[in-house]
């Protein structure tokens, strides 16, 4: 139990350390920048003393310049090491975030696996397949029934079309043939009737001539 606040999580602790490391690195970089500016000033002073003939002062400043450059190198090393440590902490932080995410996903998968009823799913799939087969069979039966209902009309139309094509090929029109047939019989009966009437008129005329002779 913590009387003054709650216990910090590892993620919060790593965040604090990373913030402290970045702060230290910024301070080291700022100090190094100031040393580099002091280095430039020292070089200018050494050149000035050398021109004025103050060789002793120039030597002392040269020693200070060497120590200053060594300190700058040390600050470079410290900044590099802090950056490496910060990168490691960032890597650990990312790894922990990934572990927490995987932990949450694992829990969700466990819940889903518990809720998943494989026998019930199998029964549902089997029933779905059975209903689909029944629908296919009914559709096939309906198509066969419709084909049977339309088959007679189609056959009659096709037979008439074939007969028309055959008569066209031999040069006979079916409708003309059917119309011409009664006309021909009537013509033959008319032709047979005309000679009979002529014979009756001839015989009547001959009888009248015979009466006149008497």
N, C-alpha and C. Protein backbone atom coordinates (compact mmCIF):
# COMPACT_ATOMS: atom_id res chain seq x y z
N UNK A 1 0.83 -1.19 0.00
CA UNK A 1 0.00 0.00 0.00
C UNK A 1 0.87 1.24 0.00
N UNK A 2 0.54 2.22 -0.84
CA UNK A 2 1.25 3.49 -0.91
C UNK A 2 0.33 4.57 -0.36
N UNK A 3 0.85 5.26 0.66
CA UNK A 3 0.04 6.29 1.30
C UNK A 3 -0.06 7.54 0.46
N UNK A 4 0.95 7.86 -0.33
CA UNK A 4 1.00 9.11 -1.08
C UNK A 4 1.07 8.81 -2.57
N UNK A 5 0.06 8.28 -3.09
CA UNK A 5 0.02 8.01 -4.52
C UNK A 5 0.00 6.52 -4.82
N UNK A 6 -0.18 6.23 -6.09
CA UNK A 6 -0.25 4.84 -6.52
C UNK A 6 1.12 4.36 -7.00
N UNK A 7 1.25 3.06 -7.11
CA UNK A 7 2.50 2.47 -7.58
C UNK A 7 2.65 2.71 -9.08
N UNK A 8 3.83 3.16 -9.45
CA UNK A 8 4.08 3.45 -10.86
C UNK A 8 4.24 2.17 -11.66
N UNK A 9 3.72 2.21 -12.84
CA UNK A 9 3.85 1.06 -13.74
C UNK A 9 5.23 1.08 -14.41
N UNK A 10 5.69 -0.05 -14.89
CA UNK A 10 6.98 -0.06 -15.60
C UNK A 10 7.02 0.90 -16.78
N UNK A 11 5.89 1.08 -17.44
CA UNK A 11 5.85 2.01 -18.56
C UNK A 11 6.09 3.44 -18.10
N UNK A 12 5.48 3.82 -16.97
CA UNK A 12 5.69 5.16 -16.44
C UNK A 12 7.12 5.35 -15.96
N UNK A 13 7.70 4.33 -15.36
CA UNK A 13 9.10 4.42 -14.89
C UNK A 13 10.04 4.61 -16.07
N UNK A 14 9.85 3.85 -17.13
CA UNK A 14 10.72 3.99 -18.30
C UNK A 14 10.55 5.35 -18.95
N UNK A 15 9.32 5.87 -18.95
CA UNK A 15 9.10 7.20 -19.51
C UNK A 15 9.86 8.27 -18.71
N UNK A 16 9.86 8.15 -17.39
CA UNK A 16 10.59 9.11 -16.56
C UNK A 16 12.10 9.02 -16.81
N UNK A 17 12.63 7.82 -16.89
CA UNK A 17 14.07 7.66 -17.14
C UNK A 17 14.44 8.20 -18.52
N UNK A 18 13.60 7.94 -19.48
CA UNK A 18 13.89 8.44 -20.82
C UNK A 18 13.86 9.97 -20.85
N UNK A 19 12.91 10.56 -20.11
CA UNK A 19 12.86 12.02 -20.03
C UNK A 19 14.10 12.58 -19.36
N UNK A 20 14.58 11.92 -18.29
CA UNK A 20 15.79 12.37 -17.59
C UNK A 20 17.02 12.25 -18.48
N UNK A 21 17.09 11.18 -19.24
CA UNK A 21 18.25 10.99 -20.14
C UNK A 21 18.27 12.07 -21.21
N UNK A 22 17.12 12.37 -21.81
CA UNK A 22 17.07 13.41 -22.83
C UNK A 22 17.44 14.78 -22.26
N UNK A 23 17.00 15.03 -21.02
CA UNK A 23 17.35 16.30 -20.38
C UNK A 23 18.86 16.40 -20.15
N UNK A 24 19.47 15.33 -19.68
CA UNK A 24 20.92 15.34 -19.45
C UNK A 24 21.67 15.52 -20.76
N UNK A 25 21.20 14.88 -21.80
CA UNK A 25 21.86 15.00 -23.11
C UNK A 25 21.79 16.44 -23.62
N UNK A 26 20.66 17.09 -23.44
CA UNK A 26 20.54 18.49 -23.87
C UNK A 26 21.50 19.40 -23.08
N UNK A 27 21.65 19.15 -21.77
CA UNK A 27 22.58 19.96 -20.97
C UNK A 27 24.02 19.74 -21.41
N UNK A 28 24.36 18.49 -21.70
CA UNK A 28 25.74 18.20 -22.16
C UNK A 28 25.99 18.86 -23.50
N UNK A 29 25.04 18.80 -24.40
CA UNK A 29 25.21 19.44 -25.71
C UNK A 29 25.35 20.96 -25.57
N UNK A 30 24.60 21.53 -24.63
CA UNK A 30 24.71 22.98 -24.42
C UNK A 30 26.09 23.35 -23.87
N UNK A 31 26.60 22.56 -22.92
CA UNK A 31 27.94 22.82 -22.38
C UNK A 31 29.01 22.64 -23.46
N UNK A 32 28.87 21.65 -24.30
CA UNK A 32 29.84 21.42 -25.37
C UNK A 32 29.85 22.58 -26.35
N UNK A 33 28.67 23.11 -26.66
CA UNK A 33 28.59 24.26 -27.57
C UNK A 33 29.32 25.47 -26.98
N UNK A 34 29.13 25.71 -25.69
CA UNK A 34 29.84 26.82 -25.04
C UNK A 34 31.36 26.61 -25.07
N UNK A 35 31.80 25.37 -24.86
CA UNK A 35 33.24 25.08 -24.92
C UNK A 35 33.79 25.30 -26.31
N UNK A 36 33.01 24.96 -27.34
CA UNK A 36 33.48 25.18 -28.70
C UNK A 36 33.61 26.67 -28.99
N UNK A 37 32.71 27.48 -28.48
CA UNK A 37 32.84 28.93 -28.64
C UNK A 37 34.07 29.46 -27.89
N UNK A 38 34.31 28.90 -26.69
CA UNK A 38 35.51 29.30 -25.94
C UNK A 38 36.78 28.87 -26.67
N UNK A 39 36.72 27.76 -27.36
CA UNK A 39 37.87 27.28 -28.14
C UNK A 39 38.23 28.28 -29.23
N UNK A 40 37.23 28.78 -29.94
CA UNK A 40 37.48 29.76 -31.00
C UNK A 40 38.10 31.04 -30.42
N UNK A 41 37.57 31.48 -29.27
CA UNK A 41 38.13 32.68 -28.65
C UNK A 41 39.58 32.47 -28.21
N UNK A 42 39.88 31.29 -27.69
CA UNK A 42 41.24 31.01 -27.23
C UNK A 42 42.21 31.01 -28.40
N UNK A 43 41.81 30.46 -29.52
CA UNK A 43 42.67 30.45 -30.71
C UNK A 43 42.97 31.88 -31.15
N UNK A 44 41.94 32.73 -31.10
CA UNK A 44 42.15 34.14 -31.49
C UNK A 44 43.14 34.81 -30.53
N UNK A 45 43.01 34.55 -29.21
CA UNK A 45 43.91 35.14 -28.22
C UNK A 45 45.35 34.64 -28.40
N UNK A 46 45.49 33.36 -28.72
CA UNK A 46 46.85 32.81 -28.94
C UNK A 46 47.51 33.50 -30.13
N UNK A 47 46.77 33.69 -31.22
CA UNK A 47 47.33 34.37 -32.38
C UNK A 47 47.70 35.82 -32.05
N UNK A 48 46.86 36.45 -31.24
CA UNK A 48 47.12 37.85 -30.86
C UNK A 48 48.38 37.97 -30.02
N UNK A 49 48.55 37.07 -29.04
CA UNK A 49 49.75 37.10 -28.19
C UNK A 49 51.01 36.79 -29.00
N UNK A 50 50.88 35.84 -29.95
CA UNK A 50 52.04 35.50 -30.78
C UNK A 50 52.46 36.69 -31.62
N UNK A 51 51.53 37.45 -32.16
CA UNK A 51 51.87 38.62 -32.96
C UNK A 51 52.53 39.71 -32.11
N UNK A 52 52.08 39.78 -30.85
CA UNK A 52 52.65 40.80 -29.96
C UNK A 52 53.96 40.35 -29.31
N UNK A 53 54.39 39.13 -29.53
CA UNK A 53 55.64 38.63 -28.99
C UNK A 53 55.52 38.07 -27.59
N UNK A 54 54.30 37.88 -27.12
CA UNK A 54 54.09 37.33 -25.78
C UNK A 54 54.04 35.80 -25.89
N UNK A 55 55.20 35.21 -26.00
CA UNK A 55 55.29 33.77 -26.25
C UNK A 55 54.87 32.99 -25.00
N UNK A 56 55.22 33.42 -23.80
CA UNK A 56 54.86 32.71 -22.58
C UNK A 56 53.35 32.64 -22.40
N UNK A 57 52.68 33.76 -22.61
CA UNK A 57 51.22 33.77 -22.49
C UNK A 57 50.59 32.90 -23.57
N UNK A 58 51.20 32.90 -24.73
CA UNK A 58 50.67 32.07 -25.82
C UNK A 58 50.77 30.59 -25.47
N UNK A 59 51.91 30.18 -24.81
CA UNK A 59 52.08 28.77 -24.42
C UNK A 59 51.02 28.36 -23.38
N UNK A 60 50.78 29.25 -22.41
CA UNK A 60 49.79 28.94 -21.37
C UNK A 60 48.40 28.78 -22.00
N UNK A 61 48.07 29.67 -22.91
CA UNK A 61 46.78 29.57 -23.58
C UNK A 61 46.69 28.31 -24.44
N UNK A 62 47.80 27.90 -25.00
CA UNK A 62 47.81 26.68 -25.81
C UNK A 62 47.50 25.46 -24.95
N UNK A 63 48.09 25.42 -23.71
CA UNK A 63 47.78 24.32 -22.81
C UNK A 63 46.29 24.32 -22.44
N UNK A 64 45.74 25.52 -22.18
CA UNK A 64 44.31 25.61 -21.89
C UNK A 64 43.46 25.13 -23.08
N UNK A 65 43.97 25.43 -24.28
CA UNK A 65 43.24 25.00 -25.47
C UNK A 65 43.22 23.48 -25.58
N UNK A 66 44.36 22.84 -25.23
CA UNK A 66 44.41 21.37 -25.28
C UNK A 66 43.43 20.77 -24.28
N UNK A 67 43.45 21.30 -23.03
CA UNK A 67 42.51 20.78 -22.03
C UNK A 67 41.05 21.02 -22.45
N UNK A 68 40.80 22.15 -23.06
CA UNK A 68 39.44 22.47 -23.51
C UNK A 68 38.99 21.50 -24.60
N UNK A 69 39.88 21.21 -25.53
CA UNK A 69 39.52 20.26 -26.60
C UNK A 69 39.31 18.85 -26.04
N UNK A 70 40.10 18.46 -25.06
CA UNK A 70 39.88 17.14 -24.45
C UNK A 70 38.52 17.08 -23.75
N UNK A 71 38.16 18.19 -23.09
CA UNK A 71 36.86 18.23 -22.43
C UNK A 71 35.72 18.16 -23.45
N UNK A 72 35.90 18.83 -24.57
CA UNK A 72 34.87 18.76 -25.64
C UNK A 72 34.71 17.33 -26.13
N UNK A 73 35.82 16.61 -26.29
CA UNK A 73 35.76 15.21 -26.74
C UNK A 73 35.02 14.35 -25.72
N UNK A 74 35.30 14.60 -24.41
CA UNK A 74 34.60 13.84 -23.38
C UNK A 74 33.09 14.11 -23.42
N UNK A 75 32.71 15.36 -23.65
CA UNK A 75 31.29 15.68 -23.72
C UNK A 75 30.63 14.99 -24.93
N UNK A 76 31.38 14.90 -26.03
CA UNK A 76 30.87 14.16 -27.18
C UNK A 76 30.60 12.70 -26.81
N UNK A 77 31.56 12.09 -26.10
CA UNK A 77 31.39 10.69 -25.71
C UNK A 77 30.21 10.51 -24.76
N UNK A 78 30.08 11.42 -23.79
CA UNK A 78 28.97 11.33 -22.85
C UNK A 78 27.62 11.47 -23.57
N UNK A 79 27.54 12.41 -24.49
CA UNK A 79 26.29 12.60 -25.23
C UNK A 79 25.94 11.37 -26.05
N UNK A 80 26.98 10.76 -26.66
CA UNK A 80 26.74 9.55 -27.46
C UNK A 80 26.26 8.40 -26.59
N UNK A 81 26.88 8.25 -25.39
CA UNK A 81 26.47 7.17 -24.49
C UNK A 81 25.04 7.38 -23.98
N UNK A 82 24.71 8.61 -23.63
CA UNK A 82 23.34 8.88 -23.19
C UNK A 82 22.33 8.60 -24.30
N UNK A 83 22.70 8.94 -25.53
CA UNK A 83 21.81 8.66 -26.66
C UNK A 83 21.60 7.15 -26.83
N UNK A 84 22.67 6.37 -26.65
CA UNK A 84 22.55 4.92 -26.76
C UNK A 84 21.66 4.36 -25.66
N UNK A 85 21.84 4.88 -24.44
CA UNK A 85 20.99 4.42 -23.34
C UNK A 85 19.52 4.77 -23.61
N UNK A 86 19.29 5.99 -24.11
CA UNK A 86 17.92 6.39 -24.43
C UNK A 86 17.30 5.49 -25.50
N UNK A 87 18.08 5.10 -26.47
CA UNK A 87 17.57 4.20 -27.51
C UNK A 87 17.22 2.84 -26.93
N UNK A 88 18.04 2.37 -25.97
CA UNK A 88 17.72 1.08 -25.35
C UNK A 88 16.43 1.17 -24.55
N UNK A 89 16.29 2.26 -23.81
CA UNK A 89 15.05 2.42 -23.03
C UNK A 89 13.85 2.51 -23.97
N UNK A 90 13.99 3.23 -25.07
CA UNK A 90 12.89 3.34 -26.04
C UNK A 90 12.55 1.97 -26.62
N UNK A 91 13.59 1.16 -26.87
CA UNK A 91 13.35 -0.20 -27.39
C UNK A 91 12.61 -1.03 -26.37
N UNK A 92 13.02 -0.92 -25.09
CA UNK A 92 12.32 -1.66 -24.04
C UNK A 92 10.86 -1.21 -23.92
N UNK A 93 10.66 0.10 -24.05
CA UNK A 93 9.30 0.63 -23.97
C UNK A 93 8.43 0.08 -25.11
N UNK A 94 8.99 0.06 -26.30
CA UNK A 94 8.24 -0.48 -27.45
C UNK A 94 7.97 -1.97 -27.27
N UNK A 95 8.97 -2.68 -26.72
CA UNK A 95 8.79 -4.11 -26.50
C UNK A 95 7.69 -4.37 -25.49
N UNK A 96 7.67 -3.56 -24.42
CA UNK A 96 6.63 -3.72 -23.42
C UNK A 96 5.25 -3.41 -24.00
N UNK A 97 5.16 -2.36 -24.83
CA UNK A 97 3.88 -2.04 -25.47
C UNK A 97 3.41 -3.18 -26.35
N UNK A 98 4.35 -3.79 -27.07
CA UNK A 98 3.99 -4.92 -27.92
C UNK A 98 3.52 -6.10 -27.08
N UNK A 99 4.21 -6.33 -25.93
CA UNK A 99 3.81 -7.44 -25.05
C UNK A 99 2.42 -7.22 -24.48
N UNK A 100 2.13 -5.98 -24.10
CA UNK A 100 0.80 -5.68 -23.58
C UNK A 100 -0.28 -5.87 -24.65
N UNK A 101 0.05 -5.45 -25.87
CA UNK A 101 -0.91 -5.64 -26.96
C UNK A 101 -1.15 -7.13 -27.22
N UNK A 102 -0.07 -7.91 -27.23
CA UNK A 102 -0.21 -9.35 -27.44
C UNK A 102 -1.00 -9.99 -26.30
N UNK A 103 -0.80 -9.46 -25.10
CA UNK A 103 -1.55 -9.99 -23.95
C UNK A 103 -3.04 -9.75 -24.13
N UNK A 104 -3.39 -8.53 -24.55
CA UNK A 104 -4.80 -8.23 -24.79
C UNK A 104 -5.39 -9.07 -25.91
N UNK A 105 -4.64 -9.25 -26.99
CA UNK A 105 -5.12 -10.08 -28.09
C UNK A 105 -5.31 -11.52 -27.65
N UNK A 106 -4.37 -12.01 -26.83
CA UNK A 106 -4.48 -13.39 -26.35
C UNK A 106 -5.73 -13.58 -25.51
N UNK A 107 -6.03 -12.61 -24.64
CA UNK A 107 -7.25 -12.71 -23.84
C UNK A 107 -8.49 -12.71 -24.72
N UNK A 108 -8.49 -11.84 -25.73
CA UNK A 108 -9.64 -11.80 -26.63
C UNK A 108 -9.81 -13.13 -27.37
N UNK A 109 -8.70 -13.71 -27.80
CA UNK A 109 -8.77 -14.99 -28.49
C UNK A 109 -9.28 -16.10 -27.58
N UNK A 110 -8.87 -16.06 -26.30
CA UNK A 110 -9.35 -17.06 -25.35
C UNK A 110 -10.87 -16.94 -25.17
N UNK A 111 -11.35 -15.69 -25.04
CA UNK A 111 -12.80 -15.50 -24.88
C UNK A 111 -13.55 -15.99 -26.11
N UNK A 112 -13.03 -15.66 -27.30
CA UNK A 112 -13.69 -16.09 -28.53
C UNK A 112 -13.69 -17.61 -28.66
N UNK A 113 -12.59 -18.25 -28.29
CA UNK A 113 -12.52 -19.70 -28.38
C UNK A 113 -13.51 -20.36 -27.41
N UNK A 114 -13.69 -19.73 -26.22
CA UNK A 114 -14.65 -20.29 -25.28
C UNK A 114 -16.07 -20.13 -25.78
N UNK A 115 -16.36 -19.01 -26.42
CA UNK A 115 -17.71 -18.77 -26.92
C UNK A 115 -18.02 -19.53 -28.20
N UNK A 116 -17.00 -19.99 -28.87
CA UNK A 116 -17.22 -20.67 -30.15
C UNK A 116 -17.66 -22.11 -29.90
N UNK A 117 -18.83 -22.48 -30.43
CA UNK A 117 -19.39 -23.82 -30.28
C UNK A 117 -19.24 -24.55 -31.61
N UNK A 118 -18.24 -25.40 -31.70
CA UNK A 118 -17.96 -26.09 -32.95
C UNK A 118 -19.10 -27.03 -33.38
N UNK A 119 -19.66 -27.85 -32.48
CA UNK A 119 -20.78 -28.70 -32.93
C UNK A 119 -21.95 -27.90 -33.48
N UNK A 120 -22.28 -26.78 -32.82
CA UNK A 120 -23.38 -25.96 -33.32
C UNK A 120 -23.06 -25.39 -34.70
N UNK A 121 -21.81 -24.94 -34.89
CA UNK A 121 -21.42 -24.42 -36.20
C UNK A 121 -21.49 -25.51 -37.27
N UNK A 122 -21.09 -26.73 -36.92
CA UNK A 122 -21.17 -27.83 -37.87
C UNK A 122 -22.62 -28.12 -38.25
N UNK A 123 -23.50 -28.09 -37.24
CA UNK A 123 -24.92 -28.32 -37.54
C UNK A 123 -25.48 -27.22 -38.44
N UNK A 124 -25.09 -25.99 -38.18
CA UNK A 124 -25.56 -24.88 -39.01
C UNK A 124 -25.08 -25.05 -40.45
N UNK A 125 -23.81 -25.42 -40.63
CA UNK A 125 -23.27 -25.59 -41.97
C UNK A 125 -23.95 -26.75 -42.70
N UNK A 126 -24.21 -27.84 -41.97
CA UNK A 126 -24.88 -28.98 -42.60
C UNK A 126 -26.31 -28.61 -43.01
N UNK A 127 -27.01 -27.86 -42.15
CA UNK A 127 -28.37 -27.45 -42.48
C UNK A 127 -28.37 -26.49 -43.67
N UNK A 128 -27.38 -25.61 -43.70
CA UNK A 128 -27.27 -24.69 -44.83
C UNK A 128 -27.05 -25.45 -46.13
N UNK A 129 -26.19 -26.44 -46.09
CA UNK A 129 -25.92 -27.24 -47.29
C UNK A 129 -27.17 -28.01 -47.72
N UNK A 130 -27.91 -28.55 -46.74
CA UNK A 130 -29.13 -29.31 -47.07
C UNK A 130 -30.18 -28.41 -47.70
N UNK A 131 -30.39 -27.24 -47.14
CA UNK A 131 -31.36 -26.31 -47.70
C UNK A 131 -30.97 -25.86 -49.10
N UNK A 132 -29.67 -25.67 -49.31
CA UNK A 132 -29.21 -25.30 -50.65
C UNK A 132 -29.49 -26.39 -51.67
N UNK A 133 -29.27 -27.66 -51.29
CA UNK A 133 -29.56 -28.76 -52.20
C UNK A 133 -31.05 -28.85 -52.51
N UNK A 134 -31.90 -28.62 -51.49
CA UNK A 134 -33.34 -28.65 -51.72
C UNK A 134 -33.77 -27.54 -52.68
N UNK A 135 -33.20 -26.36 -52.53
CA UNK A 135 -33.54 -25.29 -53.45
C UNK A 135 -33.12 -25.61 -54.87
N UNK A 136 -31.95 -26.23 -55.04
CA UNK A 136 -31.49 -26.62 -56.37
C UNK A 136 -32.44 -27.64 -57.00
N UNK A 137 -32.87 -28.62 -56.20
CA UNK A 137 -33.77 -29.64 -56.73
C UNK A 137 -35.11 -29.04 -57.14
N UNK A 138 -35.67 -28.15 -56.30
CA UNK A 138 -36.94 -27.51 -56.64
C UNK A 138 -36.83 -26.66 -57.89
N UNK A 139 -35.74 -25.96 -58.01
CA UNK A 139 -35.54 -25.13 -59.20
C UNK A 139 -35.44 -25.99 -60.46
N UNK A 140 -34.76 -27.13 -60.35
CA UNK A 140 -34.64 -28.02 -61.51
C UNK A 140 -36.00 -28.60 -61.89
N UNK A 141 -36.83 -28.97 -60.90
CA UNK A 141 -38.16 -29.50 -61.19
C UNK A 141 -39.05 -28.44 -61.84
N UNK A 142 -38.97 -27.21 -61.38
CA UNK A 142 -39.75 -26.14 -61.99
C UNK A 142 -39.34 -25.92 -63.43
N UNK A 143 -38.06 -25.95 -63.69
CA UNK A 143 -37.58 -25.77 -65.07
C UNK A 143 -38.06 -26.89 -65.97
N UNK A 144 -38.03 -28.15 -65.47
CA UNK A 144 -38.52 -29.28 -66.27
C UNK A 144 -40.01 -29.14 -66.57
N UNK A 145 -40.78 -28.69 -65.57
CA UNK A 145 -42.22 -28.52 -65.78
C UNK A 145 -42.52 -27.46 -66.84
N UNK A 146 -41.81 -26.37 -66.77
CA UNK A 146 -42.01 -25.31 -67.75
C UNK A 146 -41.60 -25.76 -69.14
N UNK A 147 -40.51 -26.53 -69.22
CA UNK A 147 -40.08 -27.04 -70.53
C UNK A 147 -41.12 -27.97 -71.13
N UNK A 148 -41.75 -28.85 -70.28
CA UNK A 148 -42.78 -29.76 -70.78
C UNK A 148 -44.01 -29.00 -71.25
N UNK A 149 -44.36 -27.93 -70.53
CA UNK A 149 -45.55 -27.16 -70.91
C UNK A 149 -45.36 -26.44 -72.23
N UNK A 150 -44.18 -26.00 -72.50
CA UNK A 150 -43.90 -25.26 -73.73
C UNK A 150 -43.47 -26.15 -74.88
N UNK A 151 -43.31 -27.45 -74.63
CA UNK A 151 -42.74 -28.33 -75.65
C UNK A 151 -43.71 -28.52 -76.82
N UNK A 152 -45.09 -28.69 -76.56
CA UNK A 152 -46.06 -28.94 -77.63
C UNK A 152 -46.12 -27.81 -78.62
N UNK A 153 -46.24 -26.57 -78.12
CA UNK A 153 -46.31 -25.42 -79.01
C UNK A 153 -45.05 -25.28 -79.84
N UNK A 154 -43.96 -25.51 -79.21
CA UNK A 154 -42.69 -25.38 -79.93
C UNK A 154 -42.58 -26.44 -81.02
N UNK A 155 -43.04 -27.66 -80.74
CA UNK A 155 -42.94 -28.72 -81.75
C UNK A 155 -43.83 -28.41 -82.94
N UNK A 156 -45.05 -27.91 -82.70
CA UNK A 156 -45.96 -27.60 -83.79
C UNK A 156 -45.41 -26.47 -84.65
N UNK A 157 -44.90 -25.44 -84.01
CA UNK A 157 -44.32 -24.34 -84.78
C UNK A 157 -43.12 -24.82 -85.59
N UNK A 158 -42.28 -25.65 -84.99
CA UNK A 158 -41.11 -26.14 -85.72
C UNK A 158 -41.52 -27.02 -86.89
N UNK A 159 -42.57 -27.87 -86.69
CA UNK A 159 -42.99 -28.75 -87.80
C UNK A 159 -43.55 -27.94 -88.96
N UNK A 160 -44.35 -26.89 -88.66
CA UNK A 160 -44.86 -26.03 -89.73
C UNK A 160 -43.74 -25.30 -90.45
N UNK A 161 -42.74 -24.87 -89.67
CA UNK A 161 -41.62 -24.16 -90.28
C UNK A 161 -40.83 -25.09 -91.21
N UNK A 162 -40.65 -26.35 -90.78
CA UNK A 162 -39.92 -27.32 -91.62
C UNK A 162 -40.71 -27.62 -92.90
N UNK A 163 -42.05 -27.80 -92.77
CA UNK A 163 -42.87 -28.09 -93.95
C UNK A 163 -42.83 -26.93 -94.94
N UNK A 164 -42.89 -25.70 -94.44
CA UNK A 164 -42.82 -24.54 -95.32
C UNK A 164 -41.49 -24.47 -96.06
N UNK A 165 -40.41 -24.77 -95.33
CA UNK A 165 -39.10 -24.76 -95.98
C UNK A 165 -39.01 -25.80 -97.08
N UNK A 166 -39.58 -27.03 -96.85
CA UNK A 166 -39.52 -28.09 -97.86
C UNK A 166 -40.34 -27.70 -99.08
N UNK A 167 -41.54 -27.15 -98.89
CA UNK A 167 -42.38 -26.76 -100.03
C UNK A 167 -41.76 -25.61 -100.80
N UNK A 168 -41.09 -24.68 -100.06
CA UNK A 168 -40.41 -23.59 -100.77
C UNK A 168 -39.29 -24.13 -101.65
N UNK A 169 -38.58 -25.15 -101.14
CA UNK A 169 -37.49 -25.71 -101.93
C UNK A 169 -38.00 -26.36 -103.22
N UNK A 170 -39.19 -27.01 -103.20
CA UNK A 170 -39.70 -27.68 -104.41
C UNK A 170 -40.61 -26.76 -105.21
N UNK A 171 -40.78 -25.50 -104.79
CA UNK A 171 -41.53 -24.52 -105.56
C UNK A 171 -43.02 -24.60 -105.40
N UNK A 172 -43.52 -25.08 -104.30
CA UNK A 172 -44.96 -25.19 -104.06
C UNK A 172 -45.29 -24.39 -102.83
N UNK A 173 -46.35 -23.57 -102.96
CA UNK A 173 -46.82 -22.79 -101.82
C UNK A 173 -47.99 -23.55 -101.20
N UNK A 174 -47.89 -23.80 -99.91
CA UNK A 174 -48.89 -24.62 -99.24
C UNK A 174 -50.26 -23.96 -99.24
N UNK A 175 -50.32 -22.69 -98.98
CA UNK A 175 -51.62 -22.00 -98.95
C UNK A 175 -52.24 -21.95 -100.34
N UNK A 176 -51.43 -21.73 -101.37
CA UNK A 176 -51.94 -21.70 -102.74
C UNK A 176 -52.46 -23.06 -103.16
N UNK A 177 -51.74 -24.10 -102.75
CA UNK A 177 -52.15 -25.45 -103.10
C UNK A 177 -53.50 -25.80 -102.48
N UNK A 178 -53.66 -25.36 -101.22
CA UNK A 178 -54.92 -25.67 -100.56
C UNK A 178 -56.08 -24.89 -101.16
N UNK A 179 -55.85 -23.66 -101.62
CA UNK A 179 -56.91 -22.86 -102.22
C UNK A 179 -57.26 -23.34 -103.62
N UNK A 180 -56.20 -23.76 -104.37
CA UNK A 180 -56.41 -24.16 -105.76
C UNK A 180 -57.13 -25.49 -105.89
N UNK A 181 -57.10 -26.33 -104.96
CA UNK A 181 -57.68 -27.67 -105.07
C UNK A 181 -59.20 -27.64 -105.23
N UNK A 182 -59.97 -26.91 -104.44
CA UNK A 182 -61.43 -26.83 -104.69
C UNK A 182 -61.76 -26.18 -106.01
N UNK A 183 -61.00 -25.19 -106.42
CA UNK A 183 -61.26 -24.52 -107.69
C UNK A 183 -61.14 -25.48 -108.85
N UNK A 184 -60.14 -26.35 -108.77
CA UNK A 184 -59.94 -27.32 -109.85
C UNK A 184 -61.12 -28.27 -109.96
N UNK A 185 -61.64 -28.72 -108.82
CA UNK A 185 -62.78 -29.66 -108.87
C UNK A 185 -64.01 -28.98 -109.43
N UNK A 186 -64.19 -27.68 -109.03
CA UNK A 186 -65.33 -26.95 -109.55
C UNK A 186 -65.20 -26.72 -111.05
N UNK A 187 -63.98 -26.48 -111.48
CA UNK A 187 -63.78 -26.27 -112.92
C UNK A 187 -64.08 -27.53 -113.70
N UNK A 188 -63.67 -28.68 -113.15
CA UNK A 188 -63.92 -29.94 -113.85
C UNK A 188 -65.41 -30.24 -113.92
N UNK A 189 -66.15 -29.92 -112.82
CA UNK A 189 -67.58 -30.18 -112.84
C UNK A 189 -68.28 -29.25 -113.82
N UNK A 190 -67.78 -27.99 -113.87
CA UNK A 190 -68.39 -27.04 -114.81
C UNK A 190 -68.16 -27.46 -116.26
N UNK A 191 -66.93 -27.93 -116.51
CA UNK A 191 -66.60 -28.35 -117.88
C UNK A 191 -67.43 -29.55 -118.30
N UNK A 192 -67.77 -30.42 -117.34
CA UNK A 192 -68.58 -31.60 -117.69
C UNK A 192 -70.05 -31.23 -117.88
N UNK A 193 -70.48 -30.13 -117.22
CA UNK A 193 -71.87 -29.72 -117.32
C UNK A 193 -72.16 -29.02 -118.64
N UNK A 194 -71.21 -28.24 -119.15
CA UNK A 194 -71.41 -27.48 -120.39
C UNK A 194 -71.71 -28.39 -121.59
N UNK A 195 -70.95 -29.48 -121.85
CA UNK A 195 -71.30 -30.35 -122.99
C UNK A 195 -72.69 -30.98 -122.87
N UNK A 196 -73.12 -31.28 -121.69
CA UNK A 196 -74.44 -31.91 -121.50
C UNK A 196 -75.54 -30.96 -121.94
N UNK A 197 -75.46 -29.69 -121.54
CA UNK A 197 -76.46 -28.70 -121.93
C UNK A 197 -76.45 -28.50 -123.45
N UNK A 198 -75.29 -28.48 -124.03
CA UNK A 198 -75.21 -28.33 -125.50
C UNK A 198 -75.88 -29.51 -126.22
N UNK A 199 -75.69 -30.67 -125.66
CA UNK A 199 -76.33 -31.86 -126.31
C UNK A 199 -77.84 -31.79 -126.22
N UNK A 200 -78.33 -31.32 -125.04
CA UNK A 200 -79.79 -31.21 -124.89
C UNK A 200 -80.35 -30.18 -125.88
N UNK A 201 -79.66 -29.04 -126.08
CA UNK A 201 -80.13 -28.03 -127.02
C UNK A 201 -80.10 -28.56 -128.46
N UNK A 202 -79.11 -29.32 -128.79
CA UNK A 202 -79.04 -29.91 -130.15
C UNK A 202 -80.20 -30.90 -130.41
N UNK A 203 -80.47 -31.69 -129.40
CA UNK A 203 -81.57 -32.67 -129.58
C UNK A 203 -82.94 -31.98 -129.70
N UNK A 204 -83.12 -30.88 -128.95
CA UNK A 204 -84.38 -30.13 -129.01
C UNK A 204 -84.54 -29.47 -130.39
N UNK A 205 -83.46 -28.91 -130.88
CA UNK A 205 -83.50 -28.29 -132.21
C UNK A 205 -83.79 -29.32 -133.31
N UNK A 206 -83.25 -30.50 -133.19
CA UNK A 206 -83.47 -31.55 -134.18
C UNK A 206 -84.92 -32.01 -134.17
N UNK A 207 -85.54 -32.03 -133.02
CA UNK A 207 -86.94 -32.46 -132.92
C UNK A 207 -87.84 -31.46 -133.59
N UNK A 208 -87.57 -30.19 -133.41
CA UNK A 208 -88.38 -29.17 -134.04
C UNK A 208 -88.26 -29.22 -135.57
N UNK A 209 -87.08 -29.46 -136.07
CA UNK A 209 -86.91 -29.58 -137.52
C UNK A 209 -87.68 -30.78 -138.08
N UNK A 210 -87.70 -31.85 -137.34
CA UNK A 210 -88.44 -33.02 -137.80
C UNK A 210 -89.94 -32.75 -137.86
N UNK A 211 -90.47 -31.98 -136.94
CA UNK A 211 -91.91 -31.62 -136.95
C UNK A 211 -92.26 -30.74 -138.18
N UNK A 212 -91.38 -29.86 -138.55
CA UNK A 212 -91.64 -28.99 -139.68
C UNK A 212 -91.69 -29.82 -140.98
N UNK A 213 -90.90 -30.81 -141.09
CA UNK A 213 -90.88 -31.64 -142.30
C UNK A 213 -92.18 -32.40 -142.46
N UNK A 214 -92.81 -32.73 -141.42
CA UNK A 214 -94.05 -33.47 -141.50
C UNK A 214 -95.17 -32.52 -141.96
